[in-house]
């Protein structure tokens, strides 16, 4: 377990949270003494309901024009 000073933890909190989320516990110290531990939360992955997903995608309407054509027209119209 890595020890990090409180000042460094405040300066690099996002990085330390990412590391903790990946499973690396981090001990935070103040004046050389451990005061806190940063650990990730165990999360169980949720199963995907394939039938519900297929029903949702089949209920969606198709676009009248392909996305690339629409995007080109929007881009070209805005250019001039």
PDB file of N, CA and C in Angstrom:
ATOM      1  N   UNK A   1       0.845  -1.170   0.000  1.00  0.00           N
ATOM      2  CA  UNK A   1       0.000   0.000   0.000  1.00  0.00           C
ATOM      3  C   UNK A   1       0.894   1.239   0.000  1.00  0.00           C
ATOM      4  N   UNK A   2       0.621   2.121  -0.932  1.00  0.00           N
ATOM      5  CA  UNK A   2       1.427   3.336  -1.040  1.00  0.00           C
ATOM      6  C   UNK A   2       0.960   4.381  -0.038  1.00  0.00           C
ATOM      7  N   UNK A   3       1.897   5.103   0.517  1.00  0.00           N
ATOM      8  CA  UNK A   3       1.581   6.209   1.421  1.00  0.00           C
ATOM      9  C   UNK A   3       1.757   7.522   0.674  1.00  0.00           C
ATOM     10  N   UNK A   4       0.785   8.406   0.852  1.00  0.00           N
ATOM     11  CA  UNK A   4       0.778   9.701   0.183  1.00  0.00           C
ATOM     12  C   UNK A   4       0.471  10.761   1.231  1.00  0.00           C
ATOM     13  N   UNK A   5       1.209  11.869   1.174  1.00  0.00           N
ATOM     14  CA  UNK A   5       0.938  12.949   2.129  1.00  0.00           C
ATOM     15  C   UNK A   5      -0.394  13.605   1.801  1.00  0.00           C
ATOM     16  N   UNK A   6      -0.983  14.219   2.791  1.00  0.00           N
ATOM     17  CA  UNK A   6      -2.266  14.881   2.608  1.00  0.00           C
ATOM     18  C   UNK A   6      -2.178  15.983   1.557  1.00  0.00           C
ATOM     19  N   UNK A   7      -1.095  16.719   1.558  1.00  0.00           N
ATOM     20  CA  UNK A   7      -0.924  17.791   0.572  1.00  0.00           C
ATOM     21  C   UNK A   7      -0.889  17.225  -0.846  1.00  0.00           C
ATOM     22  N   UNK A   8      -0.155  16.135  -1.038  1.00  0.00           N
ATOM     23  CA  UNK A   8      -0.101  15.511  -2.367  1.00  0.00           C
ATOM     24  C   UNK A   8      -1.451  14.918  -2.739  1.00  0.00           C
ATOM     25  N   UNK A   9      -2.163  14.342  -1.768  1.00  0.00           N
ATOM     26  CA  UNK A   9      -3.480  13.763  -2.030  1.00  0.00           C
ATOM     27  C   UNK A   9      -4.456  14.842  -2.500  1.00  0.00           C
ATOM     28  N   UNK A  10      -4.382  16.023  -1.875  1.00  0.00           N
ATOM     29  CA  UNK A  10      -5.264  17.114  -2.288  1.00  0.00           C
ATOM     30  C   UNK A  10      -4.917  17.573  -3.706  1.00  0.00           C
ATOM     31  N   UNK A  11      -3.654  17.596  -4.027  1.00  0.00           N
ATOM     32  CA  UNK A  11      -3.223  18.064  -5.343  1.00  0.00           C
ATOM     33  C   UNK A  11      -3.503  17.059  -6.450  1.00  0.00           C
ATOM     34  N   UNK A  12      -3.545  15.768  -6.121  1.00  0.00           N
ATOM     35  CA  UNK A  12      -3.686  14.720  -7.136  1.00  0.00           C
ATOM     36  C   UNK A  12      -4.862  13.794  -6.832  1.00  0.00           C
ATOM     37  N   UNK A  13      -5.944  14.346  -6.321  1.00  0.00           N
ATOM     38  CA  UNK A  13      -7.068  13.526  -5.880  1.00  0.00           C
ATOM     39  C   UNK A  13      -7.657  12.682  -7.013  1.00  0.00           C
ATOM     40  N   UNK A  14      -7.850  13.253  -8.187  1.00  0.00           N
ATOM     41  CA  UNK A  14      -8.448  12.502  -9.299  1.00  0.00           C
ATOM     42  C   UNK A  14      -7.609  11.279  -9.650  1.00  0.00           C
ATOM     43  N   UNK A  15      -6.310  11.460  -9.730  1.00  0.00           N
ATOM     44  CA  UNK A  15      -5.409  10.350 -10.046  1.00  0.00           C
ATOM     45  C   UNK A  15      -5.485   9.266  -8.966  1.00  0.00           C
ATOM     46  N   UNK A  16      -5.491   9.677  -7.702  1.00  0.00           N
ATOM     47  CA  UNK A  16      -5.534   8.707  -6.609  1.00  0.00           C
ATOM     48  C   UNK A  16      -6.865   7.954  -6.584  1.00  0.00           C
ATOM     49  N   UNK A  17      -7.947   8.633  -6.889  1.00  0.00           N
ATOM     50  CA  UNK A  17      -9.252   7.963  -6.933  1.00  0.00           C
ATOM     51  C   UNK A  17      -9.271   6.930  -8.050  1.00  0.00           C
ATOM     52  N   UNK A  18      -8.719   7.257  -9.193  1.00  0.00           N
ATOM     53  CA  UNK A  18      -8.659   6.297 -10.298  1.00  0.00           C
ATOM     54  C   UNK A  18      -7.859   5.060  -9.903  1.00  0.00           C
ATOM     55  N   UNK A  19      -6.738   5.275  -9.249  1.00  0.00           N
ATOM     56  CA  UNK A  19      -5.914   4.146  -8.812  1.00  0.00           C
ATOM     57  C   UNK A  19      -6.652   3.297  -7.794  1.00  0.00           C
ATOM     58  N   UNK A  20      -7.350   3.936  -6.868  1.00  0.00           N
ATOM     59  CA  UNK A  20      -8.109   3.195  -5.862  1.00  0.00           C
ATOM     60  C   UNK A  20      -9.245   2.415  -6.512  1.00  0.00           C
ATOM     61  N   UNK A  21      -9.877   3.007  -7.522  1.00  0.00           N
ATOM     62  CA  UNK A  21     -10.964   2.319  -8.220  1.00  0.00           C
ATOM     63  C   UNK A  21     -10.454   1.077  -8.939  1.00  0.00           C
ATOM     64  N   UNK A  22      -9.203   1.096  -9.360  1.00  0.00           N
ATOM     65  CA  UNK A  22      -8.603  -0.080 -10.020  1.00  0.00           C
ATOM     66  C   UNK A  22      -8.170  -1.132  -9.013  1.00  0.00           C
ATOM     67  N   UNK A  23      -8.297  -0.846  -7.718  1.00  0.00           N
ATOM     68  CA  UNK A  23      -7.997  -1.832  -6.698  1.00  0.00           C
ATOM     69  C   UNK A  23      -6.732  -1.596  -5.905  1.00  0.00           C
ATOM     70  N   UNK A  24      -6.087  -0.471  -6.096  1.00  0.00           N
ATOM     71  CA  UNK A  24      -4.846  -0.164  -5.375  1.00  0.00           C
ATOM     72  C   UNK A  24      -5.163   0.710  -4.159  1.00  0.00           C
ATOM     73  N   UNK A  25      -5.107   0.168  -2.951  1.00  0.00           N
ATOM     74  CA  UNK A  25      -5.402   1.005  -1.778  1.00  0.00           C
ATOM     75  C   UNK A  25      -4.281   2.016  -1.546  1.00  0.00           C
ATOM     76  N   UNK A  26      -4.654   3.184  -1.041  1.00  0.00           N
ATOM     77  CA  UNK A  26      -3.698   4.265  -0.818  1.00  0.00           C
ATOM     78  C   UNK A  26      -3.885   4.793   0.602  1.00  0.00           C
ATOM     79  N   UNK A  27      -2.803   4.889   1.335  1.00  0.00           N
ATOM     80  CA  UNK A  27      -2.835   5.405   2.708  1.00  0.00           C
ATOM     81  C   UNK A  27      -2.444   6.872   2.658  1.00  0.00           C
ATOM     82  N   UNK A  28      -3.252   7.713   3.285  1.00  0.00           N
ATOM     83  CA  UNK A  28      -2.995   9.153   3.328  1.00  0.00           C
ATOM     84  C   UNK A  28      -2.442   9.493   4.702  1.00  0.00           C
ATOM     85  N   UNK A  29      -1.342  10.239   4.692  1.00  0.00           N
ATOM     86  CA  UNK A  29      -0.667  10.566   5.950  1.00  0.00           C
ATOM     87  C   UNK A  29      -0.666  12.073   6.182  1.00  0.00           C
ATOM     88  N   UNK A  30      -0.622  12.425   7.465  1.00  0.00           N
ATOM     89  CA  UNK A  30      -0.459  13.821   7.865  1.00  0.00           C
ATOM     90  C   UNK A  30       0.686  13.848   8.872  1.00  0.00           C
ATOM     91  N   UNK A  31       1.720  14.587   8.526  1.00  0.00           N
ATOM     92  CA  UNK A  31       2.925  14.672   9.356  1.00  0.00           C
ATOM     93  C   UNK A  31       3.511  13.293   9.644  1.00  0.00           C
ATOM     94  N   UNK A  32       3.461  12.425   8.647  1.00  0.00           N
ATOM     95  CA  UNK A  32       4.068  11.105   8.766  1.00  0.00           C
ATOM     96  C   UNK A  32       3.208  10.038   9.414  1.00  0.00           C
ATOM     97  N   UNK A  33       2.021  10.392   9.893  1.00  0.00           N
ATOM     98  CA  UNK A  33       1.144   9.411  10.538  1.00  0.00           C
ATOM     99  C   UNK A  33      -0.070   9.154   9.660  1.00  0.00           C
ATOM    100  N   UNK A  34      -0.447   7.890   9.534  1.00  0.00           N
ATOM    101  CA  UNK A  34      -1.597   7.520   8.715  1.00  0.00           C
ATOM    102  C   UNK A  34      -2.881   8.090   9.319  1.00  0.00           C
ATOM    103  N   UNK A  35      -3.672   8.745   8.482  1.00  0.00           N
ATOM    104  CA  UNK A  35      -4.937   9.322   8.953  1.00  0.00           C
ATOM    105  C   UNK A  35      -6.140   8.824   8.154  1.00  0.00           C
ATOM    106  N   UNK A  36      -5.919   8.285   6.959  1.00  0.00           N
ATOM    107  CA  UNK A  36      -7.037   7.816   6.133  1.00  0.00           C
ATOM    108  C   UNK A  36      -6.532   6.793   5.132  1.00  0.00           C
ATOM    109  N   UNK A  37      -7.485   6.016   4.624  1.00  0.00           N
ATOM    110  CA  UNK A  37      -7.148   5.042   3.580  1.00  0.00           C
ATOM    111  C   UNK A  37      -8.164   5.208   2.460  1.00  0.00           C
ATOM    112  N   UNK A  38      -7.679   5.262   1.243  1.00  0.00           N
ATOM    113  CA  UNK A  38      -8.527   5.414   0.063  1.00  0.00           C
ATOM    114  C   UNK A  38      -8.577   4.069  -0.649  1.00  0.00           C
ATOM    115  N   UNK A  39      -9.775   3.510  -0.750  1.00  0.00           N
ATOM    116  CA  UNK A  39      -9.950   2.215  -1.419  1.00  0.00           C
ATOM    117  C   UNK A  39     -11.129   2.298  -2.370  1.00  0.00           C
ATOM    118  N   UNK A  40     -11.133   1.420  -3.342  1.00  0.00           N
ATOM    119  CA  UNK A  40     -12.237   1.350  -4.286  1.00  0.00           C
ATOM    120  C   UNK A  40     -13.414   0.596  -3.692  1.00  0.00           C
ATOM    121  N   UNK A  41     -14.564   0.757  -4.303  1.00  0.00           N
ATOM    122  CA  UNK A  41     -15.782   0.063  -3.871  1.00  0.00           C
ATOM    123  C   UNK A  41     -15.986  -1.141  -4.771  1.00  0.00           C
ATOM    124  N   UNK A  42     -16.292  -2.263  -4.148  1.00  0.00           N
ATOM    125  CA  UNK A  42     -16.581  -3.468  -4.917  1.00  0.00           C
ATOM    126  C   UNK A  42     -17.951  -3.311  -5.564  1.00  0.00           C
ATOM    127  N   UNK A  43     -17.990  -3.426  -6.887  1.00  0.00           N
ATOM    128  CA  UNK A  43     -19.263  -3.326  -7.594  1.00  0.00           C
ATOM    129  C   UNK A  43     -19.498  -4.604  -8.381  1.00  0.00           C
ATOM    130  N   UNK A  44     -20.699  -5.100  -8.298  1.00  0.00           N
ATOM    131  CA  UNK A  44     -21.074  -6.277  -9.060  1.00  0.00           C
ATOM    132  C   UNK A  44     -21.613  -5.820 -10.411  1.00  0.00           C
ATOM    133  N   UNK A  45     -21.101  -6.361 -11.498  1.00  0.00           N
ATOM    134  CA  UNK A  45     -21.627  -5.968 -12.809  1.00  0.00           C
ATOM    135  C   UNK A  45     -23.068  -6.452 -12.967  1.00  0.00           C
ATOM    136  N   UNK A  46     -23.890  -5.597 -13.545  1.00  0.00           N
ATOM    137  CA  UNK A  46     -25.290  -5.957 -13.768  1.00  0.00           C
ATOM    138  C   UNK A  46     -25.424  -6.686 -15.089  1.00  0.00           C
ATOM    139  N   UNK A  47     -26.265  -7.696 -15.096  1.00  0.00           N
ATOM    140  CA  UNK A  47     -26.508  -8.447 -16.325  1.00  0.00           C
ATOM    141  C   UNK A  47     -27.376  -7.615 -17.265  1.00  0.00           C
ATOM    142  N   UNK A  48     -27.103  -7.733 -18.544  1.00  0.00           N
ATOM    143  CA  UNK A  48     -27.874  -7.021 -19.551  1.00  0.00           C
ATOM    144  C   UNK A  48     -29.059  -7.885 -19.955  1.00  0.00           C
ATOM    145  N   UNK A  49     -30.248  -7.305 -19.932  1.00  0.00           N
ATOM    146  CA  UNK A  49     -31.457  -8.012 -20.366  1.00  0.00           C
ATOM    147  C   UNK A  49     -31.517  -7.898 -21.886  1.00  0.00           C
ATOM    148  N   UNK A  50     -31.081  -8.955 -22.570  1.00  0.00           N
ATOM    149  CA  UNK A  50     -30.987  -8.902 -24.025  1.00  0.00           C
ATOM    150  C   UNK A  50     -32.343  -8.739 -24.688  1.00  0.00           C
ATOM    151  N   UNK A  51     -33.361  -9.358 -24.149  1.00  0.00           N
ATOM    152  CA  UNK A  51     -34.694  -9.233 -24.747  1.00  0.00           C
ATOM    153  C   UNK A  51     -35.187  -7.794 -24.673  1.00  0.00           C
ATOM    154  N   UNK A  52     -34.986  -7.148 -23.542  1.00  0.00           N
ATOM    155  CA  UNK A  52     -35.412  -5.750 -23.398  1.00  0.00           C
ATOM    156  C   UNK A  52     -34.605  -4.849 -24.327  1.00  0.00           C
ATOM    157  N   UNK A  53     -33.311  -5.110 -24.469  1.00  0.00           N
ATOM    158  CA  UNK A  53     -32.469  -4.313 -25.357  1.00  0.00           C
ATOM    159  C   UNK A  53     -32.902  -4.477 -26.808  1.00  0.00           C
ATOM    160  N   UNK A  54     -33.180  -5.711 -27.229  1.00  0.00           N
ATOM    161  CA  UNK A  54     -33.635  -5.953 -28.599  1.00  0.00           C
ATOM    162  C   UNK A  54     -34.993  -5.300 -28.847  1.00  0.00           C
ATOM    163  N   UNK A  55     -35.899  -5.375 -27.876  1.00  0.00           N
ATOM    164  CA  UNK A  55     -37.214  -4.746 -28.035  1.00  0.00           C
ATOM    165  C   UNK A  55     -37.067  -3.235 -28.175  1.00  0.00           C
ATOM    166  N   UNK A  56     -36.169  -2.648 -27.408  1.00  0.00           N
ATOM    167  CA  UNK A  56     -35.946  -1.212 -27.483  1.00  0.00           C
ATOM    168  C   UNK A  56     -35.395  -0.805 -28.846  1.00  0.00           C
ATOM    169  N   UNK A  57     -34.369  -1.511 -29.314  1.00  0.00           N
ATOM    170  CA  UNK A  57     -33.764  -1.136 -30.601  1.00  0.00           C
ATOM    171  C   UNK A  57     -34.709  -1.387 -31.767  1.00  0.00           C
ATOM    172  N   UNK A  58     -35.543  -2.402 -31.677  1.00  0.00           N
ATOM    173  CA  UNK A  58     -36.499  -2.662 -32.762  1.00  0.00           C
ATOM    174  C   UNK A  58     -37.631  -1.643 -32.780  1.00  0.00           C
ATOM    175  N   UNK A  59     -37.915  -1.015 -31.639  1.00  0.00           N
ATOM    176  CA  UNK A  59     -38.981  -0.014 -31.582  1.00  0.00           C
ATOM    177  C   UNK A  59     -38.515   1.346 -32.090  1.00  0.00           C
ATOM    178  N   UNK A  60     -37.219   1.531 -32.282  1.00  0.00           N
ATOM    179  CA  UNK A  60     -36.697   2.818 -32.755  1.00  0.00           C
ATOM    180  C   UNK A  60     -36.935   2.963 -34.257  1.00  0.00           C
ATOM    181  N   UNK A  61     -37.303   4.161 -34.656  1.00  0.00           N
ATOM    182  CA  UNK A  61     -37.532   4.430 -36.070  1.00  0.00           C
ATOM    183  C   UNK A  61     -36.212   4.636 -36.797  1.00  0.00           C
ATOM    184  N   UNK A  62     -36.161   4.205 -38.029  1.00  0.00           N
ATOM    185  CA  UNK A  62     -34.972   4.427 -38.851  1.00  0.00           C
ATOM    186  C   UNK A  62     -34.961   5.877 -39.314  1.00  0.00           C
ATOM    187  N   UNK A  63     -33.781   6.441 -39.452  1.00  0.00           N
ATOM    188  CA  UNK A  63     -33.642   7.807 -39.931  1.00  0.00           C
ATOM    189  C   UNK A  63     -33.942   7.829 -41.427  1.00  0.00           C
ATOM    190  N   UNK A  64     -34.541   8.909 -41.920  1.00  0.00           N
ATOM    191  CA  UNK A  64     -34.850   8.975 -43.354  1.00  0.00           C
ATOM    192  C   UNK A  64     -33.595   9.062 -44.228  1.00  0.00           C
ATOM    193  N   UNK A  65     -32.520   9.649 -43.704  1.00  0.00           N
ATOM    194  CA  UNK A  65     -31.266   9.726 -44.453  1.00  0.00           C
ATOM    195  C   UNK A  65     -30.146   9.195 -43.577  1.00  0.00           C
ATOM    196  N   UNK A  66     -29.105   8.658 -44.202  1.00  0.00           N
ATOM    197  CA  UNK A  66     -27.967   8.192 -43.400  1.00  0.00           C
ATOM    198  C   UNK A  66     -27.338   9.348 -42.624  1.00  0.00           C
ATOM    199  N   UNK A  67     -26.790   9.048 -41.477  1.00  0.00           N
ATOM    200  CA  UNK A  67     -26.204  10.076 -40.609  1.00  0.00           C
ATOM    201  C   UNK A  67     -25.087  10.826 -41.316  1.00  0.00           C
ATOM    202  N   UNK A  68     -24.279  10.120 -42.112  1.00  0.00           N
ATOM    203  CA  UNK A  68     -23.170  10.807 -42.795  1.00  0.00           C
ATOM    204  C   UNK A  68     -23.676  11.858 -43.769  1.00  0.00           C
ATOM    205  N   UNK A  69     -24.786  11.572 -44.466  1.00  0.00           N
ATOM    206  CA  UNK A  69     -25.341  12.552 -45.404  1.00  0.00           C
ATOM    207  C   UNK A  69     -25.891  13.761 -44.666  1.00  0.00           C
ATOM    208  N   UNK A  70     -26.593  13.508 -43.582  1.00  0.00           N
ATOM    209  CA  UNK A  70     -27.150  14.602 -42.796  1.00  0.00           C
ATOM    210  C   UNK A  70     -26.039  15.474 -42.233  1.00  0.00           C
ATOM    211  N   UNK A  71     -24.996  14.844 -41.693  1.00  0.00           N
ATOM    212  CA  UNK A  71     -23.904  15.599 -41.109  1.00  0.00           C
ATOM    213  C   UNK A  71     -23.183  16.435 -42.163  1.00  0.00           C
ATOM    214  N   UNK A  72     -22.973  15.870 -43.337  1.00  0.00           N
ATOM    215  CA  UNK A  72     -22.327  16.643 -44.406  1.00  0.00           C
ATOM    216  C   UNK A  72     -23.166  17.852 -44.794  1.00  0.00           C
ATOM    217  N   UNK A  73     -24.489  17.666 -44.895  1.00  0.00           N
ATOM    218  CA  UNK A  73     -25.340  18.790 -45.276  1.00  0.00           C
ATOM    219  C   UNK A  73     -25.313  19.885 -44.218  1.00  0.00           C
ATOM    220  N   UNK A  74     -25.339  19.514 -42.966  1.00  0.00           N
ATOM    221  CA  UNK A  74     -25.278  20.505 -41.887  1.00  0.00           C
ATOM    222  C   UNK A  74     -23.938  21.225 -41.921  1.00  0.00           C
ATOM    223  N   UNK A  75     -22.876  20.467 -42.102  1.00  0.00           N
ATOM    224  CA  UNK A  75     -21.541  21.070 -42.140  1.00  0.00           C
ATOM    225  C   UNK A  75     -21.393  22.004 -43.320  1.00  0.00           C
ATOM    226  N   UNK A  76     -21.827  21.573 -44.511  1.00  0.00           N
ATOM    227  CA  UNK A  76     -21.662  22.385 -45.708  1.00  0.00           C
ATOM    228  C   UNK A  76     -22.563  23.613 -45.698  1.00  0.00           C
ATOM    229  N   UNK A  77     -23.777  23.482 -45.165  1.00  0.00           N
ATOM    230  CA  UNK A  77     -24.679  24.628 -45.102  1.00  0.00           C
ATOM    231  C   UNK A  77     -24.147  25.694 -44.145  1.00  0.00           C
ATOM    232  N   UNK A  78     -23.489  25.278 -43.096  1.00  0.00           N
ATOM    233  CA  UNK A  78     -22.975  26.235 -42.119  1.00  0.00           C
ATOM    234  C   UNK A  78     -21.708  26.926 -42.597  1.00  0.00           C
ATOM    235  N   UNK A  79     -21.055  26.312 -43.553  1.00  0.00           N
ATOM    236  CA  UNK A  79     -19.787  26.836 -44.033  1.00  0.00           C
ATOM    237  C   UNK A  79     -19.970  28.088 -44.882  1.00  0.00           C
ATOM    238  N   UNK A  80     -21.066  28.179 -45.628  1.00  0.00           N
ATOM    239  CA  UNK A  80     -21.213  29.278 -46.589  1.00  0.00           C
ATOM    240  C   UNK A  80     -22.380  30.143 -46.275  1.00  0.00           C
TER     241      UNK A  80
END
